[in-house]
PDB file of N, CA and C in Angstrom:
ATOM      1  N   MET A   1      10.215  30.060   9.909  1.00  0.00           N
ATOM      2  CA  MET A   1      10.715  28.746  10.265  1.00  0.00           C
ATOM      3  C   MET A   1       9.668  27.684   9.917  1.00  0.00           C
ATOM      4  N   ILE A   2      10.125  26.610   9.335  1.00  0.00           N
ATOM      5  CA  ILE A   2       9.229  25.535   8.920  1.00  0.00           C
ATOM      6  C   ILE A   2       8.973  24.607  10.116  1.00  0.00           C
ATOM      7  N   ASN A   3       7.710  24.291  10.345  1.00  0.00           N
ATOM      8  CA  ASN A   3       7.401  23.397  11.458  1.00  0.00           C
ATOM      9  C   ASN A   3       7.334  21.946  10.989  1.00  0.00           C
ATOM     10  N   ILE A   4       7.130  21.045  11.920  1.00  0.00           N
ATOM     11  CA  ILE A   4       7.134  19.605  11.641  1.00  0.00           C
ATOM     12  C   ILE A   4       6.000  19.214  10.697  1.00  0.00           C
ATOM     13  N   ILE A   5       4.849  19.833  10.819  1.00  0.00           N
ATOM     14  CA  ILE A   5       3.708  19.483   9.976  1.00  0.00           C
ATOM     15  C   ILE A   5       4.005  19.830   8.517  1.00  0.00           C
ATOM     16  N   GLU A   6       4.639  20.965   8.275  1.00  0.00           N
ATOM     17  CA  GLU A   6       5.001  21.316   6.901  1.00  0.00           C
ATOM     18  C   GLU A   6       6.044  20.358   6.339  1.00  0.00           C
ATOM     19  N   ILE A   7       6.997  19.970   7.149  1.00  0.00           N
ATOM     20  CA  ILE A   7       8.004  19.004   6.704  1.00  0.00           C
ATOM     21  C   ILE A   7       7.339  17.678   6.351  1.00  0.00           C
ATOM     22  N   GLY A   8       6.390  17.238   7.185  1.00  0.00           N
ATOM     23  CA  GLY A   8       5.645  16.012   6.888  1.00  0.00           C
ATOM     24  C   GLY A   8       4.856  16.132   5.597  1.00  0.00           C
ATOM     25  N   GLY A   9       4.229  17.285   5.368  1.00  0.00           N
ATOM     26  CA  GLY A   9       3.472  17.507   4.146  1.00  0.00           C
ATOM     27  C   GLY A   9       4.360  17.445   2.915  1.00  0.00           C
ATOM     28  N   TYR A  10       5.507  18.112   2.983  1.00  0.00           N
ATOM     29  CA  TYR A  10       6.434  18.068   1.850  1.00  0.00           C
ATOM     30  C   TYR A  10       7.010  16.671   1.643  1.00  0.00           C
ATOM     31  N   PHE A  11       7.215  15.943   2.732  1.00  0.00           N
ATOM     32  CA  PHE A  11       7.719  14.571   2.626  1.00  0.00           C
ATOM     33  C   PHE A  11       6.709  13.676   1.899  1.00  0.00           C
ATOM     34  N   PHE A  12       5.423  13.772   2.278  1.00  0.00           N
ATOM     35  CA  PHE A  12       4.397  12.974   1.604  1.00  0.00           C
ATOM     36  C   PHE A  12       4.252  13.370   0.136  1.00  0.00           C
ATOM     37  N   ILE A  13       4.337  14.653  -0.149  1.00  0.00           N
ATOM     38  CA  ILE A  13       4.263  15.096  -1.543  1.00  0.00           C
ATOM     39  C   ILE A  13       5.457  14.561  -2.331  1.00  0.00           C
ATOM     40  N   PHE A  14       6.648  14.590  -1.731  1.00  0.00           N
ATOM     41  CA  PHE A  14       7.832  14.051  -2.403  1.00  0.00           C
ATOM     42  C   PHE A  14       7.668  12.559  -2.679  1.00  0.00           C
ATOM     43  N   LEU A  15       7.187  11.802  -1.694  1.00  0.00           N
ATOM     44  CA  LEU A  15       6.955  10.369  -1.908  1.00  0.00           C
ATOM     45  C   LEU A  15       5.914  10.131  -3.010  1.00  0.00           C
ATOM     46  N   GLY A  16       4.860  10.933  -3.019  1.00  0.00           N
ATOM     47  CA  GLY A  16       3.835  10.807  -4.048  1.00  0.00           C
ATOM     48  C   GLY A  16       4.381  11.072  -5.438  1.00  0.00           C
ATOM     49  N   ILE A  17       5.206  12.117  -5.547  1.00  0.00           N
ATOM     50  CA  ILE A  17       5.811  12.430  -6.847  1.00  0.00           C
ATOM     51  C   ILE A  17       6.746  11.307  -7.269  1.00  0.00           C
ATOM     52  N   LEU A  18       7.454  10.726  -6.315  1.00  0.00           N
ATOM     53  CA  LEU A  18       8.347   9.602  -6.627  1.00  0.00           C
ATOM     54  C   LEU A  18       7.550   8.408  -7.169  1.00  0.00           C
ATOM     55  N   PHE A  19       6.431   8.083  -6.542  1.00  0.00           N
ATOM     56  CA  PHE A  19       5.602   6.977  -7.027  1.00  0.00           C
ATOM     57  C   PHE A  19       4.989   7.298  -8.392  1.00  0.00           C
ATOM     58  N   LEU A  20       4.590   8.530  -8.611  1.00  0.00           N
ATOM     59  CA  LEU A  20       4.052   8.910  -9.922  1.00  0.00           C
ATOM     60  C   LEU A  20       5.126   8.814 -11.002  1.00  0.00           C
ATOM     61  N   LEU A  21       6.358   9.188 -10.661  1.00  0.00           N
ATOM     62  CA  LEU A  21       7.453   9.059 -11.608  1.00  0.00           C
ATOM     63  C   LEU A  21       7.740   7.587 -11.918  1.00  0.00           C
ATOM     64  N   LEU A  22       7.765   6.754 -10.876  1.00  0.00           N
ATOM     65  CA  LEU A  22       7.973   5.321 -11.094  1.00  0.00           C
ATOM     66  C   LEU A  22       6.845   4.708 -11.913  1.00  0.00           C
ATOM     67  N   SER A  23       5.639   5.194 -11.713  1.00  0.00           N
ATOM     68  CA  SER A  23       4.507   4.706 -12.496  1.00  0.00           C
ATOM     69  C   SER A  23       4.669   5.041 -13.971  1.00  0.00           C
ATOM     70  N   SER A  24       5.101   6.252 -14.256  1.00  0.00           N
ATOM     71  CA  SER A  24       5.274   6.628 -15.664  1.00  0.00           C
ATOM     72  C   SER A  24       6.434   5.871 -16.302  1.00  0.00           C
ATOM     73  N   ILE A  25       7.489   5.611 -15.550  1.00  0.00           N
ATOM     74  CA  ILE A  25       8.587   4.795 -16.073  1.00  0.00           C
ATOM     75  C   ILE A  25       8.111   3.372 -16.306  1.00  0.00           C
ATOM     76  N   GLY A  26       7.290   2.847 -15.397  1.00  0.00           N
ATOM     77  CA  GLY A  26       6.744   1.504 -15.561  1.00  0.00           C
ATOM     78  C   GLY A  26       5.872   1.372 -16.792  1.00  0.00           C
ATOM     79  N   LEU A  27       5.127   2.417 -17.106  1.00  0.00           N
ATOM     80  CA  LEU A  27       4.304   2.384 -18.321  1.00  0.00           C
ATOM     81  C   LEU A  27       5.162   2.272 -19.575  1.00  0.00           C
ATOM     82  N   LEU A  28       6.316   2.874 -19.550  1.00  0.00           N
ATOM     83  CA  LEU A  28       7.199   2.821 -20.711  1.00  0.00           C
ATOM     84  C   LEU A  28       8.006   1.533 -20.781  1.00  0.00           C
ATOM     85  N   ARG A  29       8.348   0.957 -19.637  1.00  0.00           N
ATOM     86  CA  ARG A  29       9.276  -0.164 -19.612  1.00  0.00           C
ATOM     87  C   ARG A  29       8.631  -1.545 -19.604  1.00  0.00           C
ATOM     88  N   MET A  30       7.394  -1.649 -19.158  1.00  0.00           N
ATOM     89  CA  MET A  30       6.771  -2.967 -19.039  1.00  0.00           C
ATOM     90  C   MET A  30       6.451  -3.543 -20.420  1.00  0.00           C
ATOM     91  N   PRO A  31       6.563  -4.881 -20.549  1.00  0.00           N
ATOM     92  CA  PRO A  31       6.465  -5.490 -21.870  1.00  0.00           C
ATOM     93  C   PRO A  31       5.044  -5.729 -22.385  1.00  0.00           C
ATOM     94  N   ASP A  32       4.081  -5.969 -21.494  1.00  0.00           N
ATOM     95  CA  ASP A  32       2.754  -6.343 -21.979  1.00  0.00           C
ATOM     96  C   ASP A  32       1.675  -5.497 -21.318  1.00  0.00           C
ATOM     97  N   THR A  33       0.449  -5.693 -21.778  1.00  0.00           N
ATOM     98  CA  THR A  33      -0.675  -4.871 -21.342  1.00  0.00           C
ATOM     99  C   THR A  33      -0.958  -5.011 -19.856  1.00  0.00           C
ATOM    100  N   ILE A  34      -0.959  -6.222 -19.361  1.00  0.00           N
ATOM    101  CA  ILE A  34      -1.274  -6.448 -17.947  1.00  0.00           C
ATOM    102  C   ILE A  34      -0.249  -5.772 -17.046  1.00  0.00           C
ATOM    103  N   SER A  35       1.023  -5.907 -17.363  1.00  0.00           N
ATOM    104  CA  SER A  35       2.068  -5.265 -16.559  1.00  0.00           C
ATOM    105  C   SER A  35       1.958  -3.748 -16.618  1.00  0.00           C
ATOM    106  N   ARG A  36       1.647  -3.216 -17.780  1.00  0.00           N
ATOM    107  CA  ARG A  36       1.489  -1.770 -17.908  1.00  0.00           C
ATOM    108  C   ARG A  36       0.299  -1.267 -17.112  1.00  0.00           C
ATOM    109  N   MET A  37      -0.784  -2.032 -17.115  1.00  0.00           N
ATOM    110  CA  MET A  37      -1.945  -1.630 -16.324  1.00  0.00           C
ATOM    111  C   MET A  37      -1.616  -1.653 -14.847  1.00  0.00           C
ATOM    112  N   HIS A  38      -0.858  -2.646 -14.422  1.00  0.00           N
ATOM    113  CA  HIS A  38      -0.464  -2.741 -13.019  1.00  0.00           C
ATOM    114  C   HIS A  38       0.373  -1.524 -12.625  1.00  0.00           C
ATOM    115  N   ALA A  39       1.358  -1.191 -13.453  1.00  0.00           N
ATOM    116  CA  ALA A  39       2.203  -0.036 -13.151  1.00  0.00           C
ATOM    117  C   ALA A  39       1.417   1.264 -13.228  1.00  0.00           C
ATOM    118  N   GLY A  40       0.506   1.331 -14.165  1.00  0.00           N
ATOM    119  CA  GLY A  40      -0.235   2.563 -14.366  1.00  0.00           C
ATOM    120  C   GLY A  40      -1.319   2.830 -13.345  1.00  0.00           C
ATOM    121  N   THR A  41      -1.826   1.796 -12.706  1.00  0.00           N
ATOM    122  CA  THR A  41      -2.919   2.032 -11.758  1.00  0.00           C
ATOM    123  C   THR A  41      -2.455   1.974 -10.309  1.00  0.00           C
ATOM    124  N   LYS A  42      -1.741   0.950  -9.937  1.00  0.00           N
ATOM    125  CA  LYS A  42      -1.376   0.808  -8.529  1.00  0.00           C
ATOM    126  C   LYS A  42      -0.426   1.909  -8.067  1.00  0.00           C
ATOM    127  N   ALA A  43       0.654   2.119  -8.802  1.00  0.00           N
ATOM    128  CA  ALA A  43       1.633   3.118  -8.381  1.00  0.00           C
ATOM    129  C   ALA A  43       1.085   4.539  -8.511  1.00  0.00           C
ATOM    130  N   SER A  44       0.320   4.793  -9.551  1.00  0.00           N
ATOM    131  CA  SER A  44      -0.222   6.150  -9.697  1.00  0.00           C
ATOM    132  C   SER A  44      -1.311   6.432  -8.661  1.00  0.00           C
ATOM    133  N   THR A  45      -2.078   5.428  -8.301  1.00  0.00           N
ATOM    134  CA  THR A  45      -3.072   5.626  -7.245  1.00  0.00           C
ATOM    135  C   THR A  45      -2.383   5.934  -5.921  1.00  0.00           C
ATOM    136  N   LEU A  46      -1.358   5.158  -5.587  1.00  0.00           N
ATOM    137  CA  LEU A  46      -0.627   5.404  -4.346  1.00  0.00           C
ATOM    138  C   LEU A  46       0.041   6.778  -4.383  1.00  0.00           C
ATOM    139  N   GLY A  47       0.641   7.138  -5.511  1.00  0.00           N
ATOM    140  CA  GLY A  47       1.281   8.439  -5.625  1.00  0.00           C
ATOM    141  C   GLY A  47       0.298   9.582  -5.463  1.00  0.00           C
ATOM    142  N   THR A  48      -0.862   9.458  -6.069  1.00  0.00           N
ATOM    143  CA  THR A  48      -1.877  10.507  -5.945  1.00  0.00           C
ATOM    144  C   THR A  48      -2.378  10.625  -4.513  1.00  0.00           C
ATOM    145  N   ILE A  49      -2.598   9.488  -3.864  1.00  0.00           N
ATOM    146  CA  ILE A  49      -3.062   9.511  -2.473  1.00  0.00           C
ATOM    147  C   ILE A  49      -2.006  10.149  -1.570  1.00  0.00           C
ATOM    148  N   LEU A  50      -0.722   9.839  -1.800  1.00  0.00           N
ATOM    149  CA  LEU A  50       0.341  10.445  -0.989  1.00  0.00           C
ATOM    150  C   LEU A  50       0.419  11.956  -1.209  1.00  0.00           C
ATOM    151  N   VAL A  51       0.239  12.409  -2.431  1.00  0.00           N
ATOM    152  CA  VAL A  51       0.224  13.853  -2.694  1.00  0.00           C
ATOM    153  C   VAL A  51      -0.960  14.505  -1.993  1.00  0.00           C
ATOM    154  N   ILE A  52      -2.103  13.844  -1.999  1.00  0.00           N
ATOM    155  CA  ILE A  52      -3.286  14.388  -1.311  1.00  0.00           C
ATOM    156  C   ILE A  52      -3.062  14.439   0.191  1.00  0.00           C
ATOM    157  N   ILE A  53      -2.427  13.413   0.752  1.00  0.00           N
ATOM    158  CA  ILE A  53      -2.117  13.432   2.189  1.00  0.00           C
ATOM    159  C   ILE A  53      -1.171  14.591   2.513  1.00  0.00           C
ATOM    160  N   GLY A  54      -0.170  14.797   1.656  1.00  0.00           N
ATOM    161  CA  GLY A  54       0.719  15.942   1.859  1.00  0.00           C
ATOM    162  C   GLY A  54      -0.018  17.257   1.778  1.00  0.00           C
ATOM    163  N   ALA A  55      -0.967  17.354   0.865  1.00  0.00           N
ATOM    164  CA  ALA A  55      -1.758  18.582   0.746  1.00  0.00           C
ATOM    165  C   ALA A  55      -2.625  18.800   1.977  1.00  0.00           C
ATOM    166  N   ILE A  56      -3.101  17.722   2.575  1.00  0.00           N
ATOM    167  CA  ILE A  56      -3.889  17.850   3.809  1.00  0.00           C
ATOM    168  C   ILE A  56      -3.017  18.411   4.924  1.00  0.00           C
ATOM    169  N   PHE A  57      -1.752  17.971   4.994  1.00  0.00           N
ATOM    170  CA  PHE A  57      -0.846  18.525   6.000  1.00  0.00           C
ATOM    171  C   PHE A  57      -0.582  20.010   5.762  1.00  0.00           C
ATOM    172  N   LEU A  58      -0.447  20.403   4.504  1.00  0.00           N
ATOM    173  CA  LEU A  58      -0.105  21.792   4.201  1.00  0.00           C
ATOM    174  C   LEU A  58      -1.311  22.725   4.215  1.00  0.00           C
ATOM    175  N   ALA A  59      -2.498  22.214   3.894  1.00  0.00           N
ATOM    176  CA  ALA A  59      -3.715  23.035   3.892  1.00  0.00           C
ATOM    177  C   ALA A  59      -4.815  22.298   4.646  1.00  0.00           C
ATOM    178  N   PRO A  60      -4.741  22.269   5.965  1.00  0.00           N
ATOM    179  CA  PRO A  60      -5.714  21.486   6.732  1.00  0.00           C
ATOM    180  C   PRO A  60      -7.148  21.986   6.621  1.00  0.00           C
ATOM    181  N   HIS A  61      -7.348  23.231   6.216  1.00  0.00           N
ATOM    182  CA  HIS A  61      -8.715  23.740   6.073  1.00  0.00           C
ATOM    183  C   HIS A  61      -9.438  23.125   4.878  1.00  0.00           C
ATOM    184  N   LEU A  62      -8.711  22.454   3.991  1.00  0.00           N
ATOM    185  CA  LEU A  62      -9.317  21.800   2.830  1.00  0.00           C
ATOM    186  C   LEU A  62      -9.436  20.287   3.004  1.00  0.00           C
ATOM    187  N   TRP A  63      -9.349  19.799   4.231  1.00  0.00           N
ATOM    188  CA  TRP A  63      -9.268  18.357   4.461  1.00  0.00           C
ATOM    189  C   TRP A  63     -10.472  17.606   3.899  1.00  0.00           C
ATOM    190  N   PHE A  64     -11.666  18.159   4.022  1.00  0.00           N
ATOM    191  CA  PHE A  64     -12.855  17.432   3.567  1.00  0.00           C
ATOM    192  C   PHE A  64     -12.850  17.260   2.052  1.00  0.00           C
ATOM    193  N   LYS A  65     -12.544  18.312   1.329  1.00  0.00           N
ATOM    194  CA  LYS A  65     -12.496  18.230  -0.135  1.00  0.00           C
ATOM    195  C   LYS A  65     -11.388  17.286  -0.591  1.00  0.00           C
ATOM    196  N   LEU A  66     -10.258  17.316   0.092  1.00  0.00           N
ATOM    197  CA  LEU A  66      -9.152  16.444  -0.287  1.00  0.00           C
ATOM    198  C   LEU A  66      -9.451  14.975   0.007  1.00  0.00           C
ATOM    199  N   ILE A  67     -10.164  14.710   1.089  1.00  0.00           N
ATOM    200  CA  ILE A  67     -10.580  13.331   1.382  1.00  0.00           C
ATOM    201  C   ILE A  67     -11.558  12.841   0.321  1.00  0.00           C
ATOM    202  N   LEU A  68     -12.486  13.701  -0.093  1.00  0.00           N
ATOM    203  CA  LEU A  68     -13.411  13.327  -1.169  1.00  0.00           C
ATOM    204  C   LEU A  68     -12.659  13.054  -2.470  1.00  0.00           C
ATOM    205  N   LEU A  69     -11.650  13.862  -2.745  1.00  0.00           N
ATOM    206  CA  LEU A  69     -10.832  13.648  -3.936  1.00  0.00           C
ATOM    207  C   LEU A  69     -10.094  12.313  -3.861  1.00  0.00           C
ATOM    208  N   ALA A  70      -9.562  11.990  -2.681  1.00  0.00           N
ATOM    209  CA  ALA A  70      -8.862  10.715  -2.506  1.00  0.00           C
ATOM    210  C   ALA A  70      -9.823   9.539  -2.695  1.00  0.00           C
ATOM    211  N   LEU A  71     -11.023   9.632  -2.164  1.00  0.00           N
ATOM    212  CA  LEU A  71     -12.012   8.573  -2.356  1.00  0.00           C
ATOM    213  C   LEU A  71     -12.386   8.418  -3.825  1.00  0.00           C
ATOM    214  N   PHE A  72     -12.515   9.531  -4.519  1.00  0.00           N
ATOM    215  CA  PHE A  72     -12.824   9.485  -5.946  1.00  0.00           C
ATOM    216  C   PHE A  72     -11.714   8.767  -6.715  1.00  0.00           C
ATOM    217  N   VAL A  73     -10.475   9.080  -6.386  1.00  0.00           N
ATOM    218  CA  VAL A  73      -9.338   8.421  -7.049  1.00  0.00           C
ATOM    219  C   VAL A  73      -9.331   6.925  -6.727  1.00  0.00           C
ATOM    220  N   LEU A  74      -9.584   6.582  -5.474  1.00  0.00           N
ATOM    221  CA  LEU A  74      -9.596   5.164  -5.078  1.00  0.00           C
ATOM    222  C   LEU A  74     -10.714   4.382  -5.758  1.00  0.00           C
ATOM    223  N   LEU A  75     -11.817   5.035  -6.074  1.00  0.00           N
ATOM    224  CA  LEU A  75     -12.926   4.352  -6.733  1.00  0.00           C
ATOM    225  C   LEU A  75     -12.774   4.292  -8.247  1.00  0.00           C
ATOM    226  N   THR A  76     -12.205   5.329  -8.854  1.00  0.00           N
ATOM    227  CA  THR A  76     -12.187   5.382 -10.309  1.00  0.00           C
ATOM    228  C   THR A  76     -10.965   4.735 -10.954  1.00  0.00           C
ATOM    229  N   ASN A  77      -9.809   4.744 -10.304  1.00  0.00           N
ATOM    230  CA  ASN A  77      -8.627   4.144 -10.931  1.00  0.00           C
ATOM    231  C   ASN A  77      -8.778   2.646 -11.184  1.00  0.00           C
ATOM    232  N   PRO A  78      -9.226   1.837 -10.223  1.00  0.00           N
ATOM    233  CA  PRO A  78      -9.412   0.411 -10.534  1.00  0.00           C
ATOM    234  C   PRO A  78     -10.498   0.177 -11.586  1.00  0.00           C
ATOM    235  N   LEU A  79     -11.527   0.990 -11.565  1.00  0.00           N
ATOM    236  CA  LEU A  79     -12.597   0.850 -12.559  1.00  0.00           C
ATOM    237  C   LEU A  79     -12.084   1.146 -13.958  1.00  0.00           C
ATOM    238  N   SER A  80     -11.315   2.203 -14.095  1.00  0.00           N
ATOM    239  CA  SER A  80     -10.781   2.533 -15.419  1.00  0.00           C
ATOM    240  C   SER A  80      -9.799   1.463 -15.889  1.00  0.00           C
ATOM    241  N   ALA A  81      -9.009   0.897 -14.981  1.00  0.00           N
ATOM    242  CA  ALA A  81      -8.084  -0.175 -15.367  1.00  0.00           C
ATOM    243  C   ALA A  81      -8.858  -1.406 -15.827  1.00  0.00           C
ATOM    244  N   SER A  82      -9.966  -1.688 -15.175  1.00  0.00           N
ATOM    245  CA  SER A  82     -10.785  -2.823 -15.570  1.00  0.00           C
ATOM    246  C   SER A  82     -11.366  -2.623 -16.963  1.00  0.00           C
ATOM    247  N   ILE A  83     -11.819  -1.432 -17.254  1.00  0.00           N
ATOM    248  CA  ILE A  83     -12.393  -1.154 -18.572  1.00  0.00           C
ATOM    249  C   ILE A  83     -11.322  -1.208 -19.658  1.00  0.00           C
ATOM    250  N   VAL A  84     -10.137  -0.684 -19.353  1.00  0.00           N
ATOM    251  CA  VAL A  84      -9.041  -0.752 -20.320  1.00  0.00           C
ATOM    252  C   VAL A  84      -8.639  -2.200 -20.566  1.00  0.00           C
ATOM    253  N   ALA A  85      -8.605  -3.018 -19.513  1.00  0.00           N
ATOM    254  CA  ALA A  85      -8.257  -4.431 -19.672  1.00  0.00           C
ATOM    255  C   ALA A  85      -9.286  -5.158 -20.519  1.00  0.00           C
ATOM    256  N   LYS A  86     -10.555  -4.895 -20.274  1.00  0.00           N
ATOM    257  CA  LYS A  86     -11.610  -5.561 -21.045  1.00  0.00           C
ATOM    258  C   LYS A  86     -11.543  -5.181 -22.521  1.00  0.00           C
ATOM    259  N   SER A  87     -11.364  -3.901 -22.802  1.00  0.00           N
ATOM    260  CA  SER A  87     -11.299  -3.493 -24.209  1.00  0.00           C
ATOM    261  C   SER A  87     -10.033  -4.001 -24.879  1.00  0.00           C
ATOM    262  N   SER A  88      -8.944  -4.043 -24.150  1.00  0.00           N
ATOM    263  CA  SER A  88      -7.700  -4.575 -24.713  1.00  0.00           C
ATOM    264  C   SER A  88      -7.822  -6.065 -24.990  1.00  0.00           C
ATOM    265  N   TYR A  89      -8.463  -6.793 -24.084  1.00  0.00           N
ATOM    266  CA  TYR A  89      -8.641  -8.220 -24.298  1.00  0.00           C
ATOM    267  C   TYR A  89      -9.573  -8.482 -25.484  1.00  0.00           C
ATOM    268  N   ASN A  90     -10.639  -7.723 -25.592  1.00  0.00           N
ATOM    269  CA  ASN A  90     -11.564  -7.903 -26.710  1.00  0.00           C
ATOM    270  C   ASN A  90     -10.914  -7.593 -28.049  1.00  0.00           C
ATOM    271  N   ARG A  91      -9.951  -6.689 -28.048  1.00  0.00           N
ATOM    272  CA  ARG A  91      -9.289  -6.323 -29.297  1.00  0.00           C
ATOM    273  C   ARG A  91      -8.180  -7.305 -29.655  1.00  0.00           C
ATOM    274  N   ASP A  92      -7.271  -7.613 -28.716  1.00  0.00           N
ATOM    275  CA  ASP A  92      -6.088  -8.407 -29.027  1.00  0.00           C
ATOM    276  C   ASP A  92      -6.004  -9.728 -28.270  1.00  0.00           C
ATOM    277  N   GLY A  93      -6.624  -9.828 -27.117  1.00  0.00           N
ATOM    278  CA  GLY A  93      -6.436 -10.993 -26.263  1.00  0.00           C
ATOM    279  C   GLY A  93      -5.160 -10.854 -25.446  1.00  0.00           C
ATOM    280  N   PHE A  94      -5.049 -11.631 -24.396  1.00  0.00           N
ATOM    281  CA  PHE A  94      -3.860 -11.627 -23.568  1.00  0.00           C
ATOM    282  C   PHE A  94      -3.112 -12.922 -23.813  1.00  0.00           C
ATOM    283  N   LEU A  95      -1.941 -12.835 -24.371  1.00  0.00           N
ATOM    284  CA  LEU A  95      -1.144 -14.018 -24.651  1.00  0.00           C
ATOM    285  C   LEU A  95      -0.087 -14.185 -23.567  1.00  0.00           C
ATOM    286  N   ASN A  96       0.116 -15.445 -23.136  1.00  0.00           N
ATOM    287  CA  ASN A  96       1.193 -15.695 -22.195  1.00  0.00           C
ATOM    288  C   ASN A  96       2.507 -15.820 -22.950  1.00  0.00           C
ATOM    289  N   LYS A  97       3.572 -16.217 -22.275  1.00  0.00           N
ATOM    290  CA  LYS A  97       4.889 -16.256 -22.910  1.00  0.00           C
ATOM    291  C   LYS A  97       4.961 -17.244 -24.072  1.00  0.00           C
ATOM    292  N   SER A  98       4.138 -18.283 -24.036  1.00  0.00           N
ATOM    293  CA  SER A  98       4.164 -19.264 -25.124  1.00  0.00           C
ATOM    294  C   SER A  98       3.241 -18.875 -26.279  1.00  0.00           C
ATOM    295  N   GLY A  99       2.556 -17.751 -26.172  1.00  0.00           N
ATOM    296  CA  GLY A  99       1.690 -17.303 -27.254  1.00  0.00           C
ATOM    297  C   GLY A  99       0.292 -17.875 -27.197  1.00  0.00           C
ATOM    298  N   VAL A 100      -0.113 -18.442 -26.055  1.00  0.00           N
ATOM    299  CA  VAL A 100      -1.430 -19.039 -25.899  1.00  0.00           C
ATOM    300  C   VAL A 100      -2.298 -18.108 -25.062  1.00  0.00           C
ATOM    301  N   ASP A 101      -3.538 -17.939 -25.477  1.00  0.00           N
ATOM    302  CA  ASP A 101      -4.487 -17.123 -24.732  1.00  0.00           C
ATOM    303  C   ASP A 101      -5.130 -17.994 -23.659  1.00  0.00           C
ATOM    304  N   ASP A 102      -4.713 -17.814 -22.406  1.00  0.00           N
ATOM    305  CA  ASP A 102      -5.228 -18.630 -21.304  1.00  0.00           C
ATOM    306  C   ASP A 102      -6.695 -18.347 -21.008  1.00  0.00           C
ATOM    307  N   MET A 103      -7.144 -17.156 -21.267  1.00  0.00           N
ATOM    308  CA  MET A 103      -8.521 -16.787 -20.929  1.00  0.00           C
ATOM    309  C   MET A 103      -9.515 -17.195 -22.003  1.00  0.00           C
ATOM    310  N   LYS A 104      -9.057 -17.528 -23.187  1.00  0.00           N
ATOM    311  CA  LYS A 104      -9.964 -17.845 -24.277  1.00  0.00           C
ATOM    312  C   LYS A 104     -10.814 -19.073 -23.975  1.00  0.00           C
ATOM    313  N   SER A 105     -10.216 -20.093 -23.377  1.00  0.00           N
ATOM    314  CA  SER A 105     -10.970 -21.307 -23.094  1.00  0.00           C
ATOM    315  C   SER A 105     -12.029 -21.068 -22.012  1.00  0.00           C
ATOM    316  N   THR A 106     -11.761 -20.175 -21.062  1.00  0.00           N
ATOM    317  CA  THR A 106     -12.748 -19.918 -20.008  1.00  0.00           C
ATOM    318  C   THR A 106     -13.853 -18.999 -20.490  1.00  0.00           C
ATOM    319  N   ASN A 107     -13.579 -18.134 -21.448  1.00  0.00           N
ATOM    320  CA  ASN A 107     -14.595 -17.201 -21.935  1.00  0.00           C
ATOM    321  C   ASN A 107     -15.552 -17.834 -22.930  1.00  0.00           C
ATOM    322  N   ASN A 108     -15.144 -18.891 -23.614  1.00  0.00           N
ATOM    323  CA  ASN A 108     -15.973 -19.473 -24.648  1.00  0.00           C
ATOM    324  C   ASN A 108     -16.783 -20.677 -24.178  1.00  0.00           C
ATOM    325  N   LYS A 109     -16.696 -21.027 -22.902  1.00  0.00           N
ATOM    326  CA  LYS A 109     -17.486 -22.151 -22.392  1.00  0.00           C
ATOM    327  C   LYS A 109     -18.955 -21.753 -22.330  1.00  0.00           C
ATOM    328  N   GLU A 110     -19.797 -22.688 -22.688  1.00  0.00           N
ATOM    329  CA  GLU A 110     -21.226 -22.431 -22.626  1.00  0.00           C
ATOM    330  C   GLU A 110     -21.706 -22.547 -21.195  1.00  0.00           C
ATOM    331  N   VAL A 111     -22.526 -21.620 -20.795  1.00  0.00           N
ATOM    332  CA  VAL A 111     -23.103 -21.640 -19.453  1.00  0.00           C
ATOM    333  C   VAL A 111     -24.414 -22.382 -19.523  1.00  0.00           C
ATOM    334  N   LYS A 112     -24.555 -23.398 -18.674  1.00  0.00           N
ATOM    335  CA  LYS A 112     -25.800 -24.185 -18.674  1.00  0.00           C
ATOM    336  C   LYS A 112     -26.607 -23.914 -17.430  1.00  0.00           C
TER     337      LYS A 112
END
């Protein structure tokens, strides 16, 4: 017989998989780099954390390692998104709907 803790664990894993699926769909459907980065980092981070929480419910003896894994994901996903954004901007720039690079004027100002 399945107890409440196992049901909670499977529920969190299901929610995590749902967010990971939505993240992958967002990567395919979003029109520009910034939107894709948003879908790829925020939803996938939440999905991964929910899967880890579900795993903690199902295997409580591994809680410390799973918490460390969750912290690692929380620290590295925003960092990797920042690096991808910087390299994408350096290569192509970010254009708004009118085709103007809003960040170009702020990046080229001389610092005195």
